[in-house]
Amino acid sequence: MENSYPIKIKNQLIFGRDKIWLISMHQNNNKLTLTVEIDLEEKSMLLNIVFEGIVFYSSTELDTYEKSKWSSSWLNSQSNFEVVQGSDLMKERVEIRSDYNRQDFTHYRISTCDYIIDVITKNYQLEEVDK
C-alpha cells in the first residue's frame, strides 16, 4: 500500500495550494533541478531542489493528476514535499533497469500551485537561492 510522508523545509511543514510555486525545471544528464518559490510562515524564499541519480520524473497539471490512478496517497497528503513509500508508480509504471539496485531509489513528490512533480531518484538536496 502506498503511503506518503512529509519532508520539512526549513523545519516547517509546507502545505497548501499556494505554498510552492514552480519557477523553473532543468535536467542535465541524470540531475534534475527544480527552482521553486516557497511561502514560509514568516517570509518567502527561492530554493533549488536538486535530485541526483534520477531514473524518472513527470510533471502533471494539478487537476489532471487529481483524476489519475497515481493520486491515491496524494489525495490524503498533508505536505507539498513528500517521500512516497510503497510507491504504486514504482511498482506498476517505472521498471528500473536490472543492473541498478531498486532499493537505491526513492519516489519523491512535490506539489506546486499548478503542477504535481513525481521524481524517482537516488537522493536530493536543498539549496537556497538569492532573490
C-alpha atoms as a PDB file:
ATOM      1  CA  MET A   1       0.000   0.000   0.000  1.00  0.00           C
ATOM      2  CA  GLU A   2       1.260   3.436  -0.947  1.00  0.00           C
ATOM      3  CA  ASN A   3       1.830   5.975   1.839  1.00  0.00           C
ATOM      4  CA  SER A   4       3.304   9.453   1.722  1.00  0.00           C
ATOM      5  CA  TYR A   5       5.334  11.114   4.467  1.00  0.00           C
ATOM      6  CA  PRO A   6       6.094  14.841   4.721  1.00  0.00           C
ATOM      7  CA  ILE A   7       9.552  16.318   4.308  1.00  0.00           C
ATOM      8  CA  LYS A   8      10.051  19.569   6.197  1.00  0.00           C
ATOM      9  CA  ILE A   9      11.727  22.562   4.583  1.00  0.00           C
ATOM     10  CA  LYS A  10      13.500  24.937   6.983  1.00  0.00           C
ATOM     11  CA  ASN A  11      11.960  22.910   9.831  1.00  0.00           C
ATOM     12  CA  GLN A  12       8.476  23.716   8.550  1.00  0.00           C
ATOM     13  CA  LEU A  13       5.775  21.540   7.116  1.00  0.00           C
ATOM     14  CA  ILE A  14       4.701  23.169   3.833  1.00  0.00           C
ATOM     15  CA  PHE A  15       1.063  22.505   2.966  1.00  0.00           C
ATOM     16  CA  GLY A  16      -1.458  24.340   0.814  1.00  0.00           C
ATOM     17  CA  ARG A  17      -2.182  25.071  -2.838  1.00  0.00           C
ATOM     18  CA  ASP A  18      -0.428  28.453  -2.914  1.00  0.00           C
ATOM     19  CA  LYS A  19       2.621  27.483  -0.830  1.00  0.00           C
ATOM     20  CA  ILE A  20       5.052  26.347  -3.566  1.00  0.00           C
ATOM     21  CA  TRP A  21       5.394  27.968  -6.984  1.00  0.00           C
ATOM     22  CA  LEU A  22       7.446  26.329  -9.739  1.00  0.00           C
ATOM     23  CA  ILE A  23       9.850  28.855 -11.275  1.00  0.00           C
ATOM     24  CA  SER A  24      11.888  26.500 -13.478  1.00  0.00           C
ATOM     25  CA  MET A  25      12.774  22.876 -14.095  1.00  0.00           C
ATOM     26  CA  HIS A  26      16.106  21.903 -15.640  1.00  0.00           C
ATOM     27  CA  GLN A  27      17.551  18.483 -16.416  1.00  0.00           C
ATOM     28  CA  ASN A  28      21.247  17.890 -17.087  1.00  0.00           C
ATOM     29  CA  ASN A  29      22.125  14.210 -17.567  1.00  0.00           C
ATOM     30  CA  ASN A  30      20.759  12.374 -14.527  1.00  0.00           C
ATOM     31  CA  LYS A  31      20.336  15.511 -12.397  1.00  0.00           C
ATOM     32  CA  LEU A  32      17.044  17.427 -12.150  1.00  0.00           C
ATOM     33  CA  THR A  33      16.895  20.893 -10.599  1.00  0.00           C
ATOM     34  CA  LEU A  34      13.595  22.473  -9.610  1.00  0.00           C
ATOM     35  CA  THR A  35      13.695  26.143  -8.699  1.00  0.00           C
ATOM     36  CA  VAL A  36      10.693  26.957  -6.538  1.00  0.00           C
ATOM     37  CA  GLU A  37       9.402  29.853  -4.503  1.00  0.00           C
ATOM     38  CA  ILE A  38       8.157  28.706  -1.126  1.00  0.00           C
ATOM     39  CA  ASP A  39       5.804  30.634   1.117  1.00  0.00           C
ATOM     40  CA  LEU A  40       7.101  30.009   4.642  1.00  0.00           C
ATOM     41  CA  GLU A  41       5.344  31.166   7.799  1.00  0.00           C
ATOM     42  CA  GLU A  42       7.194  34.483   8.036  1.00  0.00           C
ATOM     43  CA  LYS A  43       8.653  35.032   4.544  1.00  0.00           C
ATOM     44  CA  SER A  44       9.021  33.534   1.110  1.00  0.00           C
ATOM     45  CA  MET A  45      12.247  32.133  -0.295  1.00  0.00           C
ATOM     46  CA  LEU A  46      13.698  30.759  -3.510  1.00  0.00           C
ATOM     47  CA  LEU A  47      15.010  27.233  -3.285  1.00  0.00           C
ATOM     48  CA  ASN A  48      16.618  24.747  -5.644  1.00  0.00           C
ATOM     49  CA  ILE A  49      15.577  21.170  -5.067  1.00  0.00           C
ATOM     50  CA  VAL A  50      18.322  19.155  -6.746  1.00  0.00           C
ATOM     51  CA  PHE A  51      17.690  15.478  -7.462  1.00  0.00           C
ATOM     52  CA  GLU A  52      20.701  13.365  -8.395  1.00  0.00           C
ATOM     53  CA  GLY A  53      20.652   9.901  -9.911  1.00  0.00           C
ATOM     54  CA  ILE A  54      17.186  10.306 -11.434  1.00  0.00           C
ATOM     55  CA  VAL A  55      15.646   7.454 -13.378  1.00  0.00           C
ATOM     56  CA  PHE A  56      12.196   9.002 -13.828  1.00  0.00           C
ATOM     57  CA  TYR A  57      10.304  12.244 -13.388  1.00  0.00           C
ATOM     58  CA  SER A  58       6.998  13.613 -14.572  1.00  0.00           C
ATOM     59  CA  SER A  59       5.139  16.875 -14.249  1.00  0.00           C
ATOM     60  CA  THR A  60       1.353  16.757 -14.386  1.00  0.00           C
ATOM     61  CA  GLU A  61      -1.168  19.583 -14.246  1.00  0.00           C
ATOM     62  CA  LEU A  62      -2.890  19.557 -10.832  1.00  0.00           C
ATOM     63  CA  ASP A  63      -6.495  18.818 -11.858  1.00  0.00           C
ATOM     64  CA  THR A  64      -5.369  16.092 -14.278  1.00  0.00           C
ATOM     65  CA  TYR A  65      -3.212  14.480 -11.573  1.00  0.00           C
ATOM     66  CA  GLU A  66      -6.137  14.507  -9.159  1.00  0.00           C
ATOM     67  CA  LYS A  67      -8.121  12.316 -11.578  1.00  0.00           C
ATOM     68  CA  SER A  68      -5.264   9.889 -12.297  1.00  0.00           C
ATOM     69  CA  LYS A  69      -4.805   6.477 -10.729  1.00  0.00           C
ATOM     70  CA  TRP A  70      -1.467   7.651  -9.283  1.00  0.00           C
ATOM     71  CA  SER A  71      -3.117  10.161  -6.953  1.00  0.00           C
ATOM     72  CA  SER A  72      -4.194   7.773  -4.159  1.00  0.00           C
ATOM     73  CA  SER A  73      -1.748   8.879  -1.434  1.00  0.00           C
ATOM     74  CA  TRP A  74      -1.572  12.448  -2.791  1.00  0.00           C
ATOM     75  CA  LEU A  75      -5.293  12.955  -2.141  1.00  0.00           C
ATOM     76  CA  ASN A  76      -4.636  12.294   1.569  1.00  0.00           C
ATOM     77  CA  SER A  77      -1.361  14.176   1.688  1.00  0.00           C
ATOM     78  CA  GLN A  78      -0.553  16.725   4.387  1.00  0.00           C
ATOM     79  CA  SER A  79       2.555  18.160   2.730  1.00  0.00           C
ATOM     80  CA  ASN A  80       3.672  19.739  -0.544  1.00  0.00           C
ATOM     81  CA  PHE A  81       7.024  17.910  -0.437  1.00  0.00           C
ATOM     82  CA  GLU A  82       6.968  14.256   0.499  1.00  0.00           C
ATOM     83  CA  VAL A  83       8.506  10.841   0.154  1.00  0.00           C
ATOM     84  CA  VAL A  84       6.218   8.115  -1.189  1.00  0.00           C
ATOM     85  CA  GLN A  85       6.760   4.653   0.282  1.00  0.00           C
ATOM     86  CA  GLY A  86       5.267   1.560  -1.335  1.00  0.00           C
ATOM     87  CA  SER A  87       5.002   3.669  -4.483  1.00  0.00           C
ATOM     88  CA  ASP A  88       2.390   2.439  -6.963  1.00  0.00           C
ATOM     89  CA  LEU A  89       4.277   4.396  -9.618  1.00  0.00           C
ATOM     90  CA  MET A  90       7.449   2.387  -8.954  1.00  0.00           C
ATOM     91  CA  LYS A  91       5.555  -0.907  -8.731  1.00  0.00           C
ATOM     92  CA  GLU A  92       3.329  -0.536 -11.780  1.00  0.00           C
ATOM     93  CA  ARG A  93       4.791   2.005 -14.211  1.00  0.00           C
ATOM     94  CA  VAL A  94       8.523   2.526 -13.822  1.00  0.00           C
ATOM     95  CA  GLU A  95      10.644  -0.543 -14.471  1.00  0.00           C
ATOM     96  CA  ILE A  96      14.084   0.237 -13.065  1.00  0.00           C
ATOM     97  CA  ARG A  97      16.948  -1.280 -15.050  1.00  0.00           C
ATOM     98  CA  SER A  98      18.052  -4.726 -13.928  1.00  0.00           C
ATOM     99  CA  ASP A  99      21.681  -3.593 -13.460  1.00  0.00           C
ATOM    100  CA  TYR A 100      20.512  -0.988 -10.886  1.00  0.00           C
ATOM    101  CA  ASN A 101      19.682  -1.806  -7.269  1.00  0.00           C
ATOM    102  CA  ARG A 102      15.990  -0.905  -6.915  1.00  0.00           C
ATOM    103  CA  GLN A 103      16.494  -0.199  -3.181  1.00  0.00           C
ATOM    104  CA  ASP A 104      18.815   2.706  -4.056  1.00  0.00           C
ATOM    105  CA  PHE A 105      15.871   4.720  -5.434  1.00  0.00           C
ATOM    106  CA  THR A 106      13.106   6.674  -3.719  1.00  0.00           C
ATOM    107  CA  HIS A 107       9.916   8.270  -5.018  1.00  0.00           C
ATOM    108  CA  TYR A 108       9.527  11.966  -4.066  1.00  0.00           C
ATOM    109  CA  ARG A 109       6.545  14.177  -4.862  1.00  0.00           C
ATOM    110  CA  ILE A 110       6.379  17.970  -4.973  1.00  0.00           C
ATOM    111  CA  SER A 111       3.017  19.724  -5.175  1.00  0.00           C
ATOM    112  CA  THR A 112       3.204  23.225  -6.574  1.00  0.00           C
ATOM    113  CA  CYS A 113       0.357  25.636  -7.175  1.00  0.00           C
ATOM    114  CA  ASP A 114      -0.329  24.235 -10.653  1.00  0.00           C
ATOM    115  CA  TYR A 115       1.674  21.003 -11.047  1.00  0.00           C
ATOM    116  CA  ILE A 116       2.457  17.746  -9.297  1.00  0.00           C
ATOM    117  CA  ILE A 117       6.001  16.555  -9.916  1.00  0.00           C
ATOM    118  CA  ASP A 118       6.978  12.933  -9.245  1.00  0.00           C
ATOM    119  CA  VAL A 119      10.675  12.064  -9.143  1.00  0.00           C
ATOM    120  CA  ILE A 120      12.300   8.655  -8.707  1.00  0.00           C
ATOM    121  CA  THR A 121      15.912   9.244  -7.745  1.00  0.00           C
ATOM    122  CA  LYS A 122      18.794   8.254  -5.522  1.00  0.00           C
ATOM    123  CA  ASN A 123      18.908  11.435  -3.431  1.00  0.00           C
ATOM    124  CA  TYR A 124      18.151  15.133  -3.246  1.00  0.00           C
ATOM    125  CA  GLN A 125      19.480  18.277  -1.644  1.00  0.00           C
ATOM    126  CA  LEU A 126      18.033  21.698  -0.930  1.00  0.00           C
ATOM    127  CA  GLU A 127      19.924  24.845  -1.901  1.00  0.00           C
ATOM    128  CA  GLU A 128      18.807  28.358  -1.019  1.00  0.00           C
ATOM    129  CA  VAL A 129      18.885  30.807  -3.934  1.00  0.00           C
ATOM    130  CA  ASP A 130      19.270  34.574  -3.629  1.00  0.00           C
ATOM    131  CA  LYS A 131      16.233  36.512  -4.842  1.00  0.00           C
END
